[in-house]
């Protein structure tokens, strides 16, 4: 589903940020890139031996090259690349990045399942300055649901239970992951329609947070 750009001069560019090992052809990120004209991958490089600052620099360059607002769609270690980008670059509220969908961020500290993940330790505990959704699975081998909740709290993200779908990758058998597309649509709608209640109230709109993102039916 293509998102209706209500209050954007241009529809946002969706930049996918894969994790360790990159996303193969049957991964939902790869499928989205094939199916959506507004979706492009950030080529982080060093996929099997990730280097934190290199990934941050590659991500920063991709964002800088965008000619319109950007929504980041990160998976696994890519979520931590987004968090470190925010911490190191300090983009602020005027950044091109207007939102993020963070999917299945793994543990990167002492109990990390893969030692390569520890290259992104310690866990960034700085809030993202834009709306974000963090989707995690009940049976992800790389992170417990409780640990994912702590990451969502640290980053100021709306936590979403994605069910029992492992690491939410190609091995999960979710094809183009319809639920993820739903979350993306809800995030885009939230970003594009700020302060809708201001139309019906004399009071100034209150500051919104990621927790205000509605997860109801897709807008039509």
C-alpha atoms as a PDB file:
ATOM      1  CA  UNK A   1       0.000   0.000   0.000  1.00  0.00           C
ATOM      2  CA  UNK A   2       1.401   3.398  -0.987  1.00  0.00           C
ATOM      3  CA  UNK A   3       1.091   5.969   1.738  1.00  0.00           C
ATOM      4  CA  UNK A   4      -0.948   9.135   0.960  1.00  0.00           C
ATOM      5  CA  UNK A   5       1.380  12.070   1.646  1.00  0.00           C
ATOM      6  CA  UNK A   6      -1.112  14.357   3.365  1.00  0.00           C
ATOM      7  CA  UNK A   7       0.991  17.209   4.692  1.00  0.00           C
ATOM      8  CA  UNK A   8       4.328  16.373   3.099  1.00  0.00           C
ATOM      9  CA  UNK A   9       5.432  18.317   0.052  1.00  0.00           C
ATOM     10  CA  UNK A  10       7.016  15.035  -0.977  1.00  0.00           C
ATOM     11  CA  UNK A  11       6.283  11.532   0.238  1.00  0.00           C
ATOM     12  CA  UNK A  12       9.042  10.297   2.570  1.00  0.00           C
ATOM     13  CA  UNK A  13      11.878   8.152   1.289  1.00  0.00           C
ATOM     14  CA  UNK A  14      11.981   4.821   3.125  1.00  0.00           C
ATOM     15  CA  UNK A  15      15.550   3.763   3.816  1.00  0.00           C
ATOM     16  CA  UNK A  16      15.953   0.143   4.881  1.00  0.00           C
ATOM     17  CA  UNK A  17      18.823  -0.559   7.275  1.00  0.00           C
ATOM     18  CA  UNK A  18      19.643  -4.303   7.367  1.00  0.00           C
ATOM     19  CA  UNK A  19      21.470  -6.081  10.142  1.00  0.00           C
ATOM     20  CA  UNK A  20      24.285  -8.573  10.432  1.00  0.00           C
ATOM     21  CA  UNK A  21      24.810 -10.515   7.196  1.00  0.00           C
ATOM     22  CA  UNK A  22      22.590  -8.177   5.154  1.00  0.00           C
ATOM     23  CA  UNK A  23      19.023  -9.066   4.115  1.00  0.00           C
ATOM     24  CA  UNK A  24      18.718 -11.747   1.439  1.00  0.00           C
ATOM     25  CA  UNK A  25      16.215 -11.858  -1.438  1.00  0.00           C
ATOM     26  CA  UNK A  26      13.414 -13.473   0.613  1.00  0.00           C
ATOM     27  CA  UNK A  27      13.765 -11.112   3.565  1.00  0.00           C
ATOM     28  CA  UNK A  28      10.825  -8.724   3.958  1.00  0.00           C
ATOM     29  CA  UNK A  29      13.143  -5.706   3.617  1.00  0.00           C
ATOM     30  CA  UNK A  30      14.286  -6.952   0.199  1.00  0.00           C
ATOM     31  CA  UNK A  31      10.688  -7.650  -0.843  1.00  0.00           C
ATOM     32  CA  UNK A  32       9.603  -4.151   0.210  1.00  0.00           C
ATOM     33  CA  UNK A  33      12.418  -2.675  -1.837  1.00  0.00           C
ATOM     34  CA  UNK A  34      11.206  -4.589  -4.903  1.00  0.00           C
ATOM     35  CA  UNK A  35       7.545  -3.778  -4.351  1.00  0.00           C
ATOM     36  CA  UNK A  36       7.757  -0.121  -3.311  1.00  0.00           C
ATOM     37  CA  UNK A  37       9.101   2.715  -5.441  1.00  0.00           C
ATOM     38  CA  UNK A  38       9.693   4.782  -2.289  1.00  0.00           C
ATOM     39  CA  UNK A  39      11.998   2.224  -0.662  1.00  0.00           C
ATOM     40  CA  UNK A  40      15.799   2.063  -0.919  1.00  0.00           C
ATOM     41  CA  UNK A  41      18.516   0.134   0.946  1.00  0.00           C
ATOM     42  CA  UNK A  42      21.382   1.715   2.856  1.00  0.00           C
ATOM     43  CA  UNK A  43      24.514  -0.130   1.742  1.00  0.00           C
ATOM     44  CA  UNK A  44      26.375  -0.310   5.033  1.00  0.00           C
ATOM     45  CA  UNK A  45      29.047  -2.755   3.836  1.00  0.00           C
ATOM     46  CA  UNK A  46      31.137  -4.979   6.101  1.00  0.00           C
ATOM     47  CA  UNK A  47      27.999  -7.069   6.531  1.00  0.00           C
ATOM     48  CA  UNK A  48      29.745 -10.039   8.128  1.00  0.00           C
ATOM     49  CA  UNK A  49      32.224  -8.038  10.190  1.00  0.00           C
ATOM     50  CA  UNK A  50      30.292  -4.895  11.087  1.00  0.00           C
ATOM     51  CA  UNK A  51      32.136  -1.819  12.294  1.00  0.00           C
ATOM     52  CA  UNK A  52      30.002   0.558  14.309  1.00  0.00           C
ATOM     53  CA  UNK A  53      31.383   3.908  13.167  1.00  0.00           C
ATOM     54  CA  UNK A  54      31.575   2.790   9.537  1.00  0.00           C
ATOM     55  CA  UNK A  55      27.905   1.835   9.630  1.00  0.00           C
ATOM     56  CA  UNK A  56      27.006   5.125  11.291  1.00  0.00           C
ATOM     57  CA  UNK A  57      28.914   7.082   8.644  1.00  0.00           C
ATOM     58  CA  UNK A  58      27.293   5.123   5.793  1.00  0.00           C
ATOM     59  CA  UNK A  59      23.860   5.713   7.288  1.00  0.00           C
ATOM     60  CA  UNK A  60      24.574   9.401   7.791  1.00  0.00           C
ATOM     61  CA  UNK A  61      25.672   9.736   4.145  1.00  0.00           C
ATOM     62  CA  UNK A  62      22.520   8.023   2.867  1.00  0.00           C
ATOM     63  CA  UNK A  63      20.354  10.345   4.939  1.00  0.00           C
ATOM     64  CA  UNK A  64      22.276  13.423   3.785  1.00  0.00           C
ATOM     65  CA  UNK A  65      21.886  12.409   0.128  1.00  0.00           C
ATOM     66  CA  UNK A  66      18.104  12.124   0.403  1.00  0.00           C
ATOM     67  CA  UNK A  67      16.195  14.933  -1.298  1.00  0.00           C
ATOM     68  CA  UNK A  68      13.116  14.549   0.886  1.00  0.00           C
ATOM     69  CA  UNK A  69      12.079  13.480   4.393  1.00  0.00           C
ATOM     70  CA  UNK A  70      13.351  10.049   5.438  1.00  0.00           C
ATOM     71  CA  UNK A  71      11.773   7.187   7.369  1.00  0.00           C
ATOM     72  CA  UNK A  72      14.229   4.533   8.546  1.00  0.00           C
ATOM     73  CA  UNK A  73      13.157   0.877   8.526  1.00  0.00           C
ATOM     74  CA  UNK A  74      15.835  -1.048  10.406  1.00  0.00           C
ATOM     75  CA  UNK A  75      16.163  -4.727  11.215  1.00  0.00           C
ATOM     76  CA  UNK A  76      18.230  -6.419  13.908  1.00  0.00           C
ATOM     77  CA  UNK A  77      21.688  -4.828  14.297  1.00  0.00           C
ATOM     78  CA  UNK A  78      20.540  -2.087  11.933  1.00  0.00           C
ATOM     79  CA  UNK A  79      18.378  -0.807  14.794  1.00  0.00           C
ATOM     80  CA  UNK A  80      21.485  -0.242  16.876  1.00  0.00           C
ATOM     81  CA  UNK A  81      23.125   1.513  13.933  1.00  0.00           C
ATOM     82  CA  UNK A  82      20.192   3.943  13.985  1.00  0.00           C
ATOM     83  CA  UNK A  83      20.526   4.423  17.747  1.00  0.00           C
ATOM     84  CA  UNK A  84      24.270   5.068  17.483  1.00  0.00           C
ATOM     85  CA  UNK A  85      23.718   7.426  14.531  1.00  0.00           C
ATOM     86  CA  UNK A  86      21.360   9.442  16.717  1.00  0.00           C
ATOM     87  CA  UNK A  87      23.800   9.458  19.646  1.00  0.00           C
ATOM     88  CA  UNK A  88      26.883  10.382  17.596  1.00  0.00           C
ATOM     89  CA  UNK A  89      25.385  12.735  15.006  1.00  0.00           C
ATOM     90  CA  UNK A  90      22.887  14.450  17.324  1.00  0.00           C
ATOM     91  CA  UNK A  91      20.443  15.155  14.454  1.00  0.00           C
ATOM     92  CA  UNK A  92      17.885  17.044  16.542  1.00  0.00           C
ATOM     93  CA  UNK A  93      14.302  17.865  15.636  1.00  0.00           C
ATOM     94  CA  UNK A  94      15.187  19.431  12.280  1.00  0.00           C
ATOM     95  CA  UNK A  95      16.752  16.276  10.877  1.00  0.00           C
ATOM     96  CA  UNK A  96      15.623  14.835   7.538  1.00  0.00           C
ATOM     97  CA  UNK A  97      14.666  11.706   9.487  1.00  0.00           C
ATOM     98  CA  UNK A  98      11.025  12.016  10.505  1.00  0.00           C
ATOM     99  CA  UNK A  99      10.401   8.510  11.851  1.00  0.00           C
ATOM    100  CA  UNK A 100      11.720   4.983  12.290  1.00  0.00           C
ATOM    101  CA  UNK A 101      10.413   1.431  12.356  1.00  0.00           C
ATOM    102  CA  UNK A 102      12.862  -0.632  14.422  1.00  0.00           C
ATOM    103  CA  UNK A 103      12.416  -4.383  14.060  1.00  0.00           C
ATOM    104  CA  UNK A 104      13.918  -7.118  16.243  1.00  0.00           C
ATOM    105  CA  UNK A 105      16.869  -5.258  17.797  1.00  0.00           C
ATOM    106  CA  UNK A 106      19.130  -7.873  19.424  1.00  0.00           C
ATOM    107  CA  UNK A 107      21.037  -7.822  22.690  1.00  0.00           C
ATOM    108  CA  UNK A 108      24.468  -6.300  22.050  1.00  0.00           C
ATOM    109  CA  UNK A 109      25.973  -6.458  25.519  1.00  0.00           C
ATOM    110  CA  UNK A 110      27.292  -9.360  27.622  1.00  0.00           C
ATOM    111  CA  UNK A 111      24.643 -11.956  26.751  1.00  0.00           C
ATOM    112  CA  UNK A 112      24.689 -11.305  22.994  1.00  0.00           C
ATOM    113  CA  UNK A 113      24.058 -14.491  20.998  1.00  0.00           C
ATOM    114  CA  UNK A 114      26.672 -13.564  18.378  1.00  0.00           C
ATOM    115  CA  UNK A 115      29.944 -12.005  19.536  1.00  0.00           C
ATOM    116  CA  UNK A 116      29.966  -9.701  16.504  1.00  0.00           C
ATOM    117  CA  UNK A 117      26.953  -7.894  17.932  1.00  0.00           C
ATOM    118  CA  UNK A 118      29.047  -6.629  20.828  1.00  0.00           C
ATOM    119  CA  UNK A 119      30.772  -4.221  18.421  1.00  0.00           C
ATOM    120  CA  UNK A 120      27.696  -2.048  19.039  1.00  0.00           C
ATOM    121  CA  UNK A 121      27.850  -2.218  22.837  1.00  0.00           C
ATOM    122  CA  UNK A 122      27.033  -0.591  25.122  1.00  0.00           C
ATOM    123  CA  UNK A 123      23.337  -0.141  24.499  1.00  0.00           C
ATOM    124  CA  UNK A 124      22.555   3.428  23.495  1.00  0.00           C
ATOM    125  CA  UNK A 125      20.199   4.977  26.039  1.00  0.00           C
ATOM    126  CA  UNK A 126      19.469   8.229  24.218  1.00  0.00           C
ATOM    127  CA  UNK A 127      15.928   8.963  23.040  1.00  0.00           C
ATOM    128  CA  UNK A 128      15.242   9.329  19.347  1.00  0.00           C
ATOM    129  CA  UNK A 129      14.037  12.850  18.417  1.00  0.00           C
ATOM    130  CA  UNK A 130      11.380  11.503  16.013  1.00  0.00           C
ATOM    131  CA  UNK A 131       8.427   9.091  16.286  1.00  0.00           C
ATOM    132  CA  UNK A 132       9.401   5.437  16.268  1.00  0.00           C
ATOM    133  CA  UNK A 133       7.922   1.961  16.619  1.00  0.00           C
ATOM    134  CA  UNK A 134       9.925  -0.952  17.992  1.00  0.00           C
ATOM    135  CA  UNK A 135       8.516  -4.334  16.939  1.00  0.00           C
ATOM    136  CA  UNK A 136       9.774  -7.467  18.672  1.00  0.00           C
ATOM    137  CA  UNK A 137       8.835 -11.136  18.786  1.00  0.00           C
ATOM    138  CA  UNK A 138       7.893 -13.276  21.747  1.00  0.00           C
ATOM    139  CA  UNK A 139      10.392 -15.976  20.734  1.00  0.00           C
ATOM    140  CA  UNK A 140      13.294 -14.040  19.239  1.00  0.00           C
ATOM    141  CA  UNK A 141      16.479 -15.999  20.061  1.00  0.00           C
ATOM    142  CA  UNK A 142      18.512 -12.776  19.996  1.00  0.00           C
ATOM    143  CA  UNK A 143      16.517 -10.865  22.626  1.00  0.00           C
ATOM    144  CA  UNK A 144      13.895 -11.464  25.295  1.00  0.00           C
ATOM    145  CA  UNK A 145      10.663  -9.516  25.146  1.00  0.00           C
ATOM    146  CA  UNK A 146      11.558  -7.858  28.449  1.00  0.00           C
ATOM    147  CA  UNK A 147      14.925  -6.685  27.138  1.00  0.00           C
ATOM    148  CA  UNK A 148      13.266  -5.334  23.999  1.00  0.00           C
ATOM    149  CA  UNK A 149      10.884  -3.401  26.237  1.00  0.00           C
ATOM    150  CA  UNK A 150      13.870  -1.774  27.944  1.00  0.00           C
ATOM    151  CA  UNK A 151      15.294  -0.728  24.577  1.00  0.00           C
ATOM    152  CA  UNK A 152      11.967   0.744  23.519  1.00  0.00           C
ATOM    153  CA  UNK A 153      11.822   2.714  26.752  1.00  0.00           C
ATOM    154  CA  UNK A 154      15.383   3.978  26.303  1.00  0.00           C
ATOM    155  CA  UNK A 155      14.775   5.090  22.724  1.00  0.00           C
ATOM    156  CA  UNK A 156      11.302   6.515  23.368  1.00  0.00           C
ATOM    157  CA  UNK A 157       9.718   4.057  20.926  1.00  0.00           C
ATOM    158  CA  UNK A 158       6.226   2.582  20.839  1.00  0.00           C
ATOM    159  CA  UNK A 159       6.677  -1.117  21.696  1.00  0.00           C
ATOM    160  CA  UNK A 160       4.696  -3.573  19.560  1.00  0.00           C
ATOM    161  CA  UNK A 161       4.327  -7.322  20.084  1.00  0.00           C
ATOM    162  CA  UNK A 162       4.856  -8.956  16.668  1.00  0.00           C
ATOM    163  CA  UNK A 163       3.807 -12.406  17.907  1.00  0.00           C
ATOM    164  CA  UNK A 164       5.736 -15.662  17.748  1.00  0.00           C
ATOM    165  CA  UNK A 165       7.813 -15.140  14.603  1.00  0.00           C
ATOM    166  CA  UNK A 166      11.395 -15.636  15.742  1.00  0.00           C
ATOM    167  CA  UNK A 167      13.847 -12.970  14.625  1.00  0.00           C
ATOM    168  CA  UNK A 168      11.332 -11.520  12.137  1.00  0.00           C
ATOM    169  CA  UNK A 169      13.499 -12.418   9.176  1.00  0.00           C
ATOM    170  CA  UNK A 170      13.380 -14.683   6.121  1.00  0.00           C
ATOM    171  CA  UNK A 171      13.497 -17.774   8.350  1.00  0.00           C
ATOM    172  CA  UNK A 172      10.280 -16.637  10.030  1.00  0.00           C
ATOM    173  CA  UNK A 173       8.267 -17.487   6.893  1.00  0.00           C
ATOM    174  CA  UNK A 174       6.474 -14.120   6.847  1.00  0.00           C
ATOM    175  CA  UNK A 175       7.107 -13.240   3.172  1.00  0.00           C
ATOM    176  CA  UNK A 176       6.573  -9.479   2.810  1.00  0.00           C
ATOM    177  CA  UNK A 177       5.453  -9.300   6.466  1.00  0.00           C
ATOM    178  CA  UNK A 178       1.967  -7.742   6.151  1.00  0.00           C
ATOM    179  CA  UNK A 179       1.938  -6.776   9.832  1.00  0.00           C
ATOM    180  CA  UNK A 180       5.134  -4.798   9.318  1.00  0.00           C
ATOM    181  CA  UNK A 181       3.555  -2.976   6.368  1.00  0.00           C
ATOM    182  CA  UNK A 182       0.642  -2.133   8.647  1.00  0.00           C
ATOM    183  CA  UNK A 183       3.021  -0.704  11.258  1.00  0.00           C
ATOM    184  CA  UNK A 184       4.792   1.326   8.581  1.00  0.00           C
ATOM    185  CA  UNK A 185       1.483   2.720   7.346  1.00  0.00           C
ATOM    186  CA  UNK A 186       0.460   3.699  10.882  1.00  0.00           C
ATOM    187  CA  UNK A 187       3.808   5.406  11.481  1.00  0.00           C
ATOM    188  CA  UNK A 188       3.603   7.318   8.196  1.00  0.00           C
ATOM    189  CA  UNK A 189       0.040   8.401   8.911  1.00  0.00           C
ATOM    190  CA  UNK A 190       1.029   9.625  12.351  1.00  0.00           C
ATOM    191  CA  UNK A 191       3.942  11.622  10.942  1.00  0.00           C
ATOM    192  CA  UNK A 192       1.977  13.147   8.065  1.00  0.00           C
ATOM    193  CA  UNK A 193      -0.999  14.275  10.126  1.00  0.00           C
ATOM    194  CA  UNK A 194       0.357  16.125  13.175  1.00  0.00           C
ATOM    195  CA  UNK A 195      -2.048  17.388  15.819  1.00  0.00           C
ATOM    196  CA  UNK A 196      -5.351  16.343  14.217  1.00  0.00           C
ATOM    197  CA  UNK A 197      -7.261  17.189  17.395  1.00  0.00           C
ATOM    198  CA  UNK A 198      -6.194  20.836  17.062  1.00  0.00           C
ATOM    199  CA  UNK A 199      -8.855  21.135  14.342  1.00  0.00           C
ATOM    200  CA  UNK A 200     -11.565  20.477  16.923  1.00  0.00           C
ATOM    201  CA  UNK A 201     -10.163  22.197  19.995  1.00  0.00           C
ATOM    202  CA  UNK A 202      -9.357  25.732  21.109  1.00  0.00           C
ATOM    203  CA  UNK A 203      -6.432  24.446  23.158  1.00  0.00           C
ATOM    204  CA  UNK A 204      -2.915  24.320  21.698  1.00  0.00           C
ATOM    205  CA  UNK A 205      -1.903  20.772  20.727  1.00  0.00           C
ATOM    206  CA  UNK A 206       0.173  18.947  23.305  1.00  0.00           C
ATOM    207  CA  UNK A 207       3.572  17.562  22.340  1.00  0.00           C
ATOM    208  CA  UNK A 208       3.169  14.094  20.882  1.00  0.00           C
ATOM    209  CA  UNK A 209       5.307  11.059  21.496  1.00  0.00           C
ATOM    210  CA  UNK A 210       5.735   7.658  19.915  1.00  0.00           C
ATOM    211  CA  UNK A 211       3.248   6.299  22.443  1.00  0.00           C
ATOM    212  CA  UNK A 212       0.506   8.274  20.673  1.00  0.00           C
ATOM    213  CA  UNK A 213       0.837   6.279  17.452  1.00  0.00           C
ATOM    214  CA  UNK A 214      -2.451   4.532  16.769  1.00  0.00           C
ATOM    215  CA  UNK A 215      -2.270   0.873  15.763  1.00  0.00           C
ATOM    216  CA  UNK A 216      -5.826   0.728  14.431  1.00  0.00           C
ATOM    217  CA  UNK A 217      -6.894  -0.176  10.877  1.00  0.00           C
ATOM    218  CA  UNK A 218      -4.862   1.190   7.997  1.00  0.00           C
ATOM    219  CA  UNK A 219      -6.074   4.619   6.827  1.00  0.00           C
ATOM    220  CA  UNK A 220      -7.994   4.705   3.570  1.00  0.00           C
END
